[in-house]
Every structure is written in structure tokens, then in C-alpha cells.
N, C-alpha and C. Protein backbone atom coordinates (compact mmCIF):
# COMPACT_ATOMS: atom_id res chain seq x y z
N UNK A 1 17.92 -7.59 0.24
CA UNK A 1 17.61 -7.26 -1.14
C UNK A 1 16.31 -7.98 -1.52
N UNK A 2 15.52 -7.38 -2.32
CA UNK A 2 14.23 -7.96 -2.70
C UNK A 2 14.40 -9.31 -3.40
N UNK A 3 15.55 -9.51 -4.03
CA UNK A 3 15.77 -10.78 -4.69
C UNK A 3 15.88 -11.93 -3.72
N UNK A 4 16.03 -11.64 -2.45
CA UNK A 4 16.11 -12.69 -1.43
C UNK A 4 14.71 -13.12 -0.94
N UNK A 5 13.69 -12.36 -1.29
CA UNK A 5 12.35 -12.73 -0.90
C UNK A 5 11.87 -13.95 -1.71
N UNK A 6 11.03 -14.79 -1.14
CA UNK A 6 10.42 -15.86 -1.92
C UNK A 6 9.64 -15.26 -3.10
N UNK A 7 9.41 -16.06 -4.13
CA UNK A 7 8.89 -15.56 -5.41
C UNK A 7 7.57 -14.77 -5.28
N UNK A 8 6.57 -15.30 -4.60
CA UNK A 8 5.28 -14.62 -4.56
C UNK A 8 5.35 -13.28 -3.82
N UNK A 9 5.91 -13.22 -2.61
CA UNK A 9 6.00 -11.90 -1.98
C UNK A 9 6.89 -10.94 -2.74
N UNK A 10 7.93 -11.44 -3.42
CA UNK A 10 8.77 -10.59 -4.24
C UNK A 10 7.95 -9.94 -5.35
N UNK A 11 7.11 -10.72 -6.02
CA UNK A 11 6.26 -10.20 -7.08
C UNK A 11 5.28 -9.15 -6.52
N UNK A 12 4.65 -9.46 -5.40
CA UNK A 12 3.68 -8.57 -4.81
C UNK A 12 4.33 -7.25 -4.36
N UNK A 13 5.43 -7.35 -3.62
CA UNK A 13 6.03 -6.17 -3.01
C UNK A 13 6.89 -5.34 -3.96
N UNK A 14 7.45 -5.97 -4.99
CA UNK A 14 8.34 -5.21 -5.89
C UNK A 14 7.69 -4.83 -7.20
N UNK A 15 6.54 -5.41 -7.54
CA UNK A 15 5.88 -5.09 -8.81
C UNK A 15 4.47 -4.56 -8.57
N UNK A 16 3.61 -5.38 -7.95
CA UNK A 16 2.21 -5.01 -7.80
C UNK A 16 1.99 -3.82 -6.86
N UNK A 17 2.67 -3.83 -5.72
CA UNK A 17 2.50 -2.73 -4.77
C UNK A 17 3.01 -1.41 -5.32
N UNK A 18 4.19 -1.34 -5.95
CA UNK A 18 4.61 -0.06 -6.52
C UNK A 18 3.64 0.44 -7.59
N UNK A 19 3.11 -0.45 -8.41
CA UNK A 19 2.12 -0.05 -9.43
C UNK A 19 0.87 0.52 -8.74
N UNK A 20 0.42 -0.14 -7.65
CA UNK A 20 -0.76 0.36 -6.96
C UNK A 20 -0.50 1.73 -6.32
N UNK A 21 0.72 1.98 -5.85
CA UNK A 21 1.04 3.28 -5.28
C UNK A 21 1.02 4.37 -6.34
N UNK A 22 1.54 4.07 -7.50
CA UNK A 22 1.46 5.03 -8.61
C UNK A 22 0.02 5.23 -9.05
N UNK A 23 -0.77 4.17 -9.02
CA UNK A 23 -2.18 4.28 -9.38
C UNK A 23 -2.94 5.16 -8.36
N UNK A 24 -2.50 5.22 -7.12
CA UNK A 24 -3.08 6.10 -6.14
C UNK A 24 -2.57 7.53 -6.29
N UNK A 25 -1.32 7.67 -6.66
CA UNK A 25 -0.73 8.99 -6.78
C UNK A 25 -1.34 9.77 -7.96
N UNK A 26 -1.47 9.14 -9.11
CA UNK A 26 -1.90 9.84 -10.31
C UNK A 26 -3.22 10.58 -10.14
N UNK A 27 -4.32 9.92 -9.76
CA UNK A 27 -5.58 10.67 -9.62
C UNK A 27 -5.59 11.63 -8.44
N UNK A 28 -4.93 11.30 -7.35
CA UNK A 28 -4.87 12.23 -6.22
C UNK A 28 -4.13 13.52 -6.60
N UNK A 29 -3.10 13.38 -7.41
CA UNK A 29 -2.31 14.55 -7.81
C UNK A 29 -2.95 15.34 -8.95
N UNK A 30 -3.55 14.64 -9.90
CA UNK A 30 -4.01 15.30 -11.10
C UNK A 30 -5.55 15.43 -11.23
N UNK A 31 -6.28 14.72 -10.40
CA UNK A 31 -7.73 14.81 -10.40
C UNK A 31 -8.24 14.72 -8.94
N UNK A 32 -7.79 15.64 -8.11
CA UNK A 32 -8.04 15.51 -6.67
C UNK A 32 -9.53 15.56 -6.31
N UNK A 33 -10.33 16.35 -7.03
CA UNK A 33 -11.76 16.40 -6.70
C UNK A 33 -12.43 15.04 -6.94
N UNK A 34 -12.09 14.43 -8.05
CA UNK A 34 -12.64 13.09 -8.35
C UNK A 34 -12.17 12.09 -7.31
N UNK A 35 -10.85 12.11 -7.03
CA UNK A 35 -10.26 11.16 -6.09
C UNK A 35 -10.91 11.29 -4.75
N UNK A 36 -11.07 12.49 -4.27
CA UNK A 36 -11.69 12.70 -2.95
C UNK A 36 -13.13 12.22 -2.96
N UNK A 37 -13.87 12.52 -4.02
CA UNK A 37 -15.26 12.09 -4.11
C UNK A 37 -15.44 10.61 -4.11
N UNK A 38 -14.48 9.88 -4.59
CA UNK A 38 -14.57 8.41 -4.71
C UNK A 38 -14.19 7.69 -3.42
N UNK A 39 -13.69 8.40 -2.43
CA UNK A 39 -13.21 7.73 -1.22
C UNK A 39 -14.28 6.95 -0.49
N UNK A 40 -15.53 7.40 -0.58
CA UNK A 40 -16.63 6.69 0.06
C UNK A 40 -17.68 6.38 -0.99
N UNK A 41 -18.29 5.19 -0.92
CA UNK A 41 -19.27 4.81 -1.92
C UNK A 41 -20.65 5.49 -1.72
N UNK A 42 -21.36 5.62 -2.81
CA UNK A 42 -22.75 6.00 -2.84
C UNK A 42 -23.20 7.10 -1.88
N UNK A 43 -24.15 6.73 -1.03
CA UNK A 43 -24.81 7.71 -0.15
C UNK A 43 -23.89 8.31 0.89
N UNK A 44 -22.73 7.73 1.09
CA UNK A 44 -21.79 8.28 2.09
C UNK A 44 -20.98 9.43 1.52
N UNK A 45 -21.04 9.63 0.21
CA UNK A 45 -20.24 10.68 -0.40
C UNK A 45 -20.75 12.07 -0.01
N UNK A 46 -19.80 12.96 0.12
CA UNK A 46 -20.12 14.37 0.33
C UNK A 46 -19.34 15.13 -0.76
N UNK A 47 -20.06 15.74 -1.64
CA UNK A 47 -19.42 16.52 -2.70
C UNK A 47 -19.15 17.91 -2.15
N UNK A 48 -18.00 18.09 -1.57
CA UNK A 48 -17.66 19.34 -0.90
C UNK A 48 -16.20 19.63 -1.13
N UNK A 49 -15.91 20.14 -2.31
CA UNK A 49 -14.52 20.44 -2.64
C UNK A 49 -14.17 21.87 -2.28
N UNK A 50 -13.23 22.00 -1.40
CA UNK A 50 -12.72 23.31 -1.04
C UNK A 50 -11.24 23.30 -1.38
N UNK A 51 -10.64 24.48 -1.40
CA UNK A 51 -9.20 24.53 -1.61
C UNK A 51 -8.46 23.72 -0.58
N UNK A 52 -8.98 23.73 0.67
CA UNK A 52 -8.35 22.97 1.74
C UNK A 52 -8.39 21.48 1.44
N UNK A 53 -9.55 20.98 1.05
CA UNK A 53 -9.67 19.54 0.81
C UNK A 53 -8.87 19.11 -0.40
N UNK A 54 -8.80 19.99 -1.41
CA UNK A 54 -8.01 19.64 -2.60
C UNK A 54 -6.51 19.60 -2.28
N UNK A 55 -6.04 20.54 -1.42
CA UNK A 55 -4.64 20.51 -1.01
C UNK A 55 -4.34 19.24 -0.23
N UNK A 56 -5.23 18.88 0.70
CA UNK A 56 -5.00 17.68 1.51
C UNK A 56 -5.00 16.44 0.60
N UNK A 57 -5.89 16.41 -0.39
CA UNK A 57 -5.93 15.27 -1.32
C UNK A 57 -4.66 15.20 -2.13
N UNK A 58 -4.18 16.32 -2.60
CA UNK A 58 -2.90 16.31 -3.36
C UNK A 58 -1.74 15.91 -2.44
N UNK A 59 -1.79 16.33 -1.18
CA UNK A 59 -0.75 15.90 -0.23
C UNK A 59 -0.80 14.41 0.01
N UNK A 60 -2.01 13.83 0.05
CA UNK A 60 -2.13 12.36 0.16
C UNK A 60 -1.49 11.72 -1.07
N UNK A 61 -1.78 12.28 -2.23
CA UNK A 61 -1.14 11.78 -3.46
C UNK A 61 0.38 11.84 -3.36
N UNK A 62 0.90 12.90 -2.78
CA UNK A 62 2.34 13.03 -2.60
C UNK A 62 2.87 11.94 -1.66
N UNK A 63 2.06 11.57 -0.66
CA UNK A 63 2.45 10.46 0.24
C UNK A 63 2.51 9.14 -0.51
N UNK A 64 1.57 8.93 -1.43
CA UNK A 64 1.62 7.74 -2.29
C UNK A 64 2.91 7.72 -3.12
N UNK A 65 3.22 8.87 -3.70
CA UNK A 65 4.47 8.95 -4.49
C UNK A 65 5.69 8.71 -3.61
N UNK A 66 5.70 9.31 -2.42
CA UNK A 66 6.80 9.09 -1.47
C UNK A 66 6.92 7.61 -1.14
N UNK A 67 5.80 6.96 -0.82
CA UNK A 67 5.84 5.53 -0.49
C UNK A 67 6.37 4.73 -1.66
N UNK A 68 6.01 5.08 -2.88
CA UNK A 68 6.55 4.42 -4.07
C UNK A 68 8.06 4.57 -4.14
N UNK A 69 8.54 5.80 -3.98
CA UNK A 69 9.97 6.08 -4.09
C UNK A 69 10.77 5.40 -2.97
N UNK A 70 10.26 5.44 -1.75
CA UNK A 70 10.95 4.79 -0.63
C UNK A 70 10.97 3.26 -0.87
N UNK A 71 9.85 2.72 -1.32
CA UNK A 71 9.79 1.28 -1.58
C UNK A 71 10.78 0.85 -2.63
N UNK A 72 10.84 1.58 -3.74
CA UNK A 72 11.79 1.25 -4.79
C UNK A 72 13.22 1.40 -4.24
N UNK A 73 13.49 2.44 -3.51
CA UNK A 73 14.84 2.65 -2.96
C UNK A 73 15.23 1.51 -2.05
N UNK A 74 14.34 1.12 -1.13
CA UNK A 74 14.65 0.05 -0.17
C UNK A 74 14.75 -1.29 -0.88
N UNK A 75 13.74 -1.62 -1.65
CA UNK A 75 13.67 -2.98 -2.21
C UNK A 75 14.69 -3.24 -3.32
N UNK A 76 15.17 -2.20 -3.96
CA UNK A 76 16.10 -2.41 -5.06
C UNK A 76 17.53 -1.98 -4.77
N UNK A 77 17.80 -1.50 -3.52
CA UNK A 77 19.15 -1.01 -3.30
C UNK A 77 19.87 -1.67 -2.14
N UNK A 78 19.17 -2.29 -1.21
CA UNK A 78 19.85 -2.85 -0.05
C UNK A 78 20.13 -4.35 -0.23
N UNK A 79 21.22 -4.77 0.32
CA UNK A 79 21.56 -6.21 0.38
C UNK A 79 21.20 -6.80 1.73
N UNK A 80 20.63 -5.99 2.58
CA UNK A 80 20.31 -6.40 3.97
C UNK A 80 18.84 -6.84 4.04
N UNK A 81 18.59 -8.13 4.16
CA UNK A 81 17.23 -8.63 4.28
C UNK A 81 16.57 -8.08 5.54
N UNK A 82 17.35 -7.76 6.54
CA UNK A 82 16.79 -7.18 7.78
C UNK A 82 16.16 -5.81 7.47
N UNK A 83 16.76 -5.04 6.61
CA UNK A 83 16.23 -3.74 6.22
C UNK A 83 14.91 -3.93 5.46
N UNK A 84 14.89 -4.90 4.54
CA UNK A 84 13.68 -5.20 3.79
C UNK A 84 12.56 -5.64 4.74
N UNK A 85 12.87 -6.52 5.67
CA UNK A 85 11.86 -6.98 6.62
C UNK A 85 11.34 -5.85 7.49
N UNK A 86 12.23 -4.97 7.97
CA UNK A 86 11.79 -3.82 8.76
C UNK A 86 10.89 -2.90 7.96
N UNK A 87 11.23 -2.68 6.71
CA UNK A 87 10.40 -1.88 5.81
C UNK A 87 9.00 -2.52 5.69
N UNK A 88 8.97 -3.83 5.51
CA UNK A 88 7.69 -4.55 5.39
C UNK A 88 6.89 -4.51 6.69
N UNK A 89 7.56 -4.51 7.83
CA UNK A 89 6.87 -4.35 9.13
C UNK A 89 6.19 -2.99 9.20
N UNK A 90 6.90 -1.96 8.77
CA UNK A 90 6.32 -0.61 8.79
C UNK A 90 5.07 -0.57 7.89
N UNK A 91 5.16 -1.19 6.73
CA UNK A 91 3.99 -1.24 5.82
C UNK A 91 2.87 -2.08 6.41
N UNK A 92 3.20 -3.14 7.13
CA UNK A 92 2.20 -3.99 7.77
C UNK A 92 1.39 -3.17 8.78
N UNK A 93 2.09 -2.35 9.56
CA UNK A 93 1.41 -1.47 10.51
C UNK A 93 0.55 -0.44 9.77
N UNK A 94 1.10 0.14 8.69
CA UNK A 94 0.33 1.09 7.90
C UNK A 94 -0.89 0.45 7.27
N UNK A 95 -0.80 -0.83 6.88
CA UNK A 95 -1.96 -1.51 6.34
C UNK A 95 -3.10 -1.53 7.36
N UNK A 96 -2.76 -1.82 8.60
CA UNK A 96 -3.78 -1.89 9.66
C UNK A 96 -4.45 -0.53 9.83
N UNK A 97 -3.67 0.52 9.92
CA UNK A 97 -4.25 1.84 10.13
C UNK A 97 -4.99 2.32 8.89
N UNK A 98 -4.57 1.97 7.72
CA UNK A 98 -5.26 2.36 6.49
C UNK A 98 -6.65 1.74 6.44
N UNK A 99 -6.73 0.45 6.72
CA UNK A 99 -8.05 -0.21 6.72
C UNK A 99 -8.89 0.34 7.86
N UNK A 100 -8.31 0.55 9.02
CA UNK A 100 -9.05 1.06 10.17
C UNK A 100 -9.67 2.41 9.88
N UNK A 101 -8.89 3.35 9.31
CA UNK A 101 -9.43 4.68 9.05
C UNK A 101 -10.51 4.64 7.96
N UNK A 102 -10.37 3.76 6.99
CA UNK A 102 -11.43 3.61 5.98
C UNK A 102 -12.67 3.04 6.60
N UNK A 103 -12.53 2.00 7.40
CA UNK A 103 -13.69 1.38 8.07
C UNK A 103 -14.36 2.37 9.03
N UNK A 104 -13.59 3.20 9.67
CA UNK A 104 -14.14 4.21 10.57
C UNK A 104 -15.03 5.18 9.79
N UNK A 105 -14.57 5.60 8.63
CA UNK A 105 -15.38 6.51 7.81
C UNK A 105 -16.62 5.85 7.25
N UNK A 106 -16.48 4.55 6.88
CA UNK A 106 -17.63 3.82 6.34
C UNK A 106 -18.67 3.49 7.38
N UNK A 107 -18.24 3.36 8.63
CA UNK A 107 -19.12 2.88 9.68
C UNK A 107 -19.28 1.37 9.56
N UNK A 108 -19.88 0.78 10.57
CA UNK A 108 -20.01 -0.67 10.59
C UNK A 108 -20.79 -1.18 9.38
N UNK A 109 -21.94 -0.58 9.13
CA UNK A 109 -22.79 -1.04 8.01
C UNK A 109 -22.08 -0.91 6.67
N UNK A 110 -21.44 0.23 6.45
CA UNK A 110 -20.73 0.42 5.19
C UNK A 110 -19.55 -0.49 5.01
N UNK A 111 -18.93 -0.88 6.13
CA UNK A 111 -17.78 -1.79 6.06
C UNK A 111 -18.21 -3.21 5.75
N UNK A 112 -19.26 -3.68 6.37
CA UNK A 112 -19.69 -5.09 6.16
C UNK A 112 -20.52 -5.27 4.91
N UNK A 113 -21.10 -4.20 4.35
CA UNK A 113 -21.91 -4.29 3.13
C UNK A 113 -20.97 -4.22 1.92
N UNK A 114 -20.25 -5.31 1.71
CA UNK A 114 -19.24 -5.37 0.65
C UNK A 114 -19.84 -5.10 -0.73
N UNK A 115 -21.05 -5.52 -0.96
CA UNK A 115 -21.70 -5.28 -2.25
C UNK A 115 -21.86 -3.80 -2.57
N UNK A 116 -21.87 -2.96 -1.58
CA UNK A 116 -22.01 -1.55 -1.80
C UNK A 116 -20.69 -0.80 -2.02
N UNK A 117 -19.59 -1.49 -1.93
CA UNK A 117 -18.28 -0.85 -2.11
C UNK A 117 -18.09 -0.43 -3.56
N UNK A 118 -17.44 0.71 -3.73
CA UNK A 118 -17.05 1.14 -5.06
C UNK A 118 -15.58 0.71 -5.30
N UNK A 119 -15.05 0.91 -6.48
CA UNK A 119 -13.66 0.50 -6.75
C UNK A 119 -12.65 1.09 -5.76
N UNK A 120 -12.87 2.33 -5.35
CA UNK A 120 -11.91 2.96 -4.42
C UNK A 120 -11.95 2.25 -3.06
N UNK A 121 -13.15 1.88 -2.62
CA UNK A 121 -13.25 1.15 -1.34
C UNK A 121 -12.58 -0.21 -1.45
N UNK A 122 -12.75 -0.86 -2.59
CA UNK A 122 -12.07 -2.14 -2.82
C UNK A 122 -10.54 -1.95 -2.74
N UNK A 123 -10.06 -0.84 -3.24
CA UNK A 123 -8.64 -0.58 -3.15
C UNK A 123 -8.22 -0.29 -1.71
N UNK A 124 -9.00 0.56 -1.05
CA UNK A 124 -8.64 0.94 0.34
C UNK A 124 -8.76 -0.18 1.33
N UNK A 125 -9.71 -1.08 1.13
CA UNK A 125 -9.87 -2.19 2.07
C UNK A 125 -9.39 -3.50 1.43
N UNK A 126 -9.94 -3.85 0.26
CA UNK A 126 -9.63 -5.13 -0.35
C UNK A 126 -8.15 -5.31 -0.70
N UNK A 127 -7.61 -4.34 -1.45
CA UNK A 127 -6.21 -4.44 -1.86
C UNK A 127 -5.28 -4.33 -0.66
N UNK A 128 -5.63 -3.46 0.27
CA UNK A 128 -4.78 -3.31 1.45
C UNK A 128 -4.80 -4.55 2.31
N UNK A 129 -5.96 -5.19 2.42
CA UNK A 129 -6.03 -6.46 3.19
C UNK A 129 -5.20 -7.54 2.48
N UNK A 130 -5.24 -7.55 1.15
CA UNK A 130 -4.42 -8.52 0.41
C UNK A 130 -2.94 -8.30 0.73
N UNK A 131 -2.49 -7.05 0.73
CA UNK A 131 -1.10 -6.76 1.06
C UNK A 131 -0.79 -7.12 2.51
N UNK A 132 -1.70 -6.80 3.42
CA UNK A 132 -1.54 -7.12 4.84
C UNK A 132 -1.43 -8.66 5.02
N UNK A 133 -2.31 -9.40 4.38
CA UNK A 133 -2.27 -10.87 4.53
C UNK A 133 -1.03 -11.47 3.87
N UNK A 134 -0.61 -10.89 2.75
CA UNK A 134 0.63 -11.36 2.10
C UNK A 134 1.83 -11.10 3.01
N UNK A 135 1.88 -9.91 3.61
CA UNK A 135 2.96 -9.61 4.54
C UNK A 135 2.94 -10.54 5.74
N UNK A 136 1.73 -10.76 6.29
CA UNK A 136 1.57 -11.65 7.43
C UNK A 136 2.02 -13.07 7.11
N UNK A 137 1.65 -13.54 5.91
CA UNK A 137 2.05 -14.88 5.50
C UNK A 137 3.56 -14.95 5.31
N UNK A 138 4.15 -13.90 4.77
CA UNK A 138 5.61 -13.86 4.60
C UNK A 138 6.29 -13.90 5.95
N UNK A 139 5.84 -13.08 6.89
CA UNK A 139 6.45 -13.04 8.24
C UNK A 139 6.34 -14.37 8.95
N UNK A 140 5.24 -15.08 8.70
CA UNK A 140 5.05 -16.35 9.39
C UNK A 140 5.75 -17.51 8.67
N UNK A 141 6.41 -17.23 7.54
CA UNK A 141 7.17 -18.25 6.84
C UNK A 141 6.35 -19.11 5.87
N UNK A 142 5.12 -18.74 5.60
CA UNK A 142 4.28 -19.56 4.70
C UNK A 142 4.81 -19.67 3.28
N UNK A 143 5.62 -18.71 2.85
CA UNK A 143 6.16 -18.78 1.51
C UNK A 143 7.53 -19.43 1.46
N UNK A 144 7.98 -19.92 2.58
CA UNK A 144 9.30 -20.54 2.67
C UNK A 144 10.32 -19.52 3.16
N UNK A 145 11.56 -19.99 3.32
CA UNK A 145 12.60 -19.09 3.85
C UNK A 145 13.09 -18.10 2.80
N UNK A 146 13.71 -17.04 3.31
CA UNK A 146 14.35 -16.10 2.40
C UNK A 146 15.48 -16.80 1.69
N UNK A 147 15.78 -16.34 0.50
CA UNK A 147 16.88 -16.92 -0.28
C UNK A 147 18.19 -16.35 0.23
N UNK A 148 19.29 -17.06 0.04
CA UNK A 148 20.58 -16.51 0.51
C UNK A 148 20.95 -15.24 -0.28
N UNK A 149 21.74 -14.41 0.33
CA UNK A 149 22.20 -13.18 -0.32
C UNK A 149 23.02 -13.56 -1.53
N UNK A 150 22.97 -12.74 -2.58
CA UNK A 150 23.80 -12.99 -3.77
C UNK A 150 25.26 -12.97 -3.38
N UNK A 151 26.07 -13.77 -4.05
CA UNK A 151 27.50 -13.88 -3.69
C UNK A 151 28.23 -12.56 -3.82
N UNK A 152 27.92 -11.75 -4.85
CA UNK A 152 28.62 -10.47 -5.00
C UNK A 152 28.20 -9.50 -3.90
N UNK A 153 27.05 -9.70 -3.25
CA UNK A 153 26.66 -8.85 -2.11
C UNK A 153 27.57 -9.10 -0.93
N UNK A 154 28.04 -10.29 -0.75
CA UNK A 154 28.94 -10.63 0.37
C UNK A 154 30.31 -9.99 0.16
N UNK A 155 30.72 -9.85 -1.10
CA UNK A 155 32.01 -9.27 -1.41
C UNK A 155 32.09 -7.79 -1.07
N UNK A 156 30.91 -7.09 -1.08
CA UNK A 156 30.89 -5.67 -0.81
C UNK A 156 31.24 -5.37 0.65
N UNK A 157 31.12 -6.30 1.54
CA UNK A 157 31.33 -6.05 2.99
C UNK A 157 32.76 -6.06 3.36
């Protein structure tokens, strides 16, 4: 259960991350042309909206909504810390691939030229790296041990 997580990762994973997922879903679902255009900063942008690209962008938004719903379901419904940890491992792997695919599109120069990043790039790389590092710190025990399961959770077994 998320209540067993130490305070800081609990705040990040149960409050901040779900809000960020909804913040990704809203523009991708309701303003896909803008969302797609913002994926790369400045000169790397290609203004080329087709029905295909708008569908793919809306489908990405749907993935954000799905990730939000799965996260809320897992973090607020299970009493098994092992399930929570496995969910966080899956997100840790997704963090790596999310940053990698963004960096691949930016190229080396675009990735290291942090001053040229737009807000979307900061979200795709900066925010994702924050989540990745928070998960890594949690897995390594830097926030302390998990809290014991609530007493009423033990009664359910």
C-alpha cells in the first residue's frame, strides 16, 4: 500500500506523478496539434500535422490517462508492498526509455544544450529524470525502510 512508502516517495508517487500524468493527458487529448508541436524545442520542430500524427498523439494521451488510472489503482488499493515495488520497477524502466527516446529525437547537441529546452523537453527529460532518481533512491533505501503494513490490512488475510 502506498501508505507504507516513506514520506517523500509517497508524496512524489501518489500525488505529484499522478498530477503530471493528467497534465500530459489533457493537452495530448484535447490539443494534439499543439502537444505534438511542443515535443521538440525551437529549430527541431516540424509543423506537420496529419490525421495520422493527431491520432498517434491522442493515443499517447490515452497512454498517459491509462498510466494515471493504473497508478491510482495500484497505489491506493493494494496492501502488498511487493506489488507497489514491482509497479515502481516497471515505471523505473519506462523512465529510462522515455528519456532515451526523447534524447534520440533531440540528438546529442539538443540533449546537452539544456538552455535550449522548452517546457515540454523539461517535462520529458527533467521531470522524468527526477522521477527516475527518486525511484532509484527509494530502491536503494535512501529514504529509509518501508513502513509496516496497517494492522487492519493484516486482518484481511
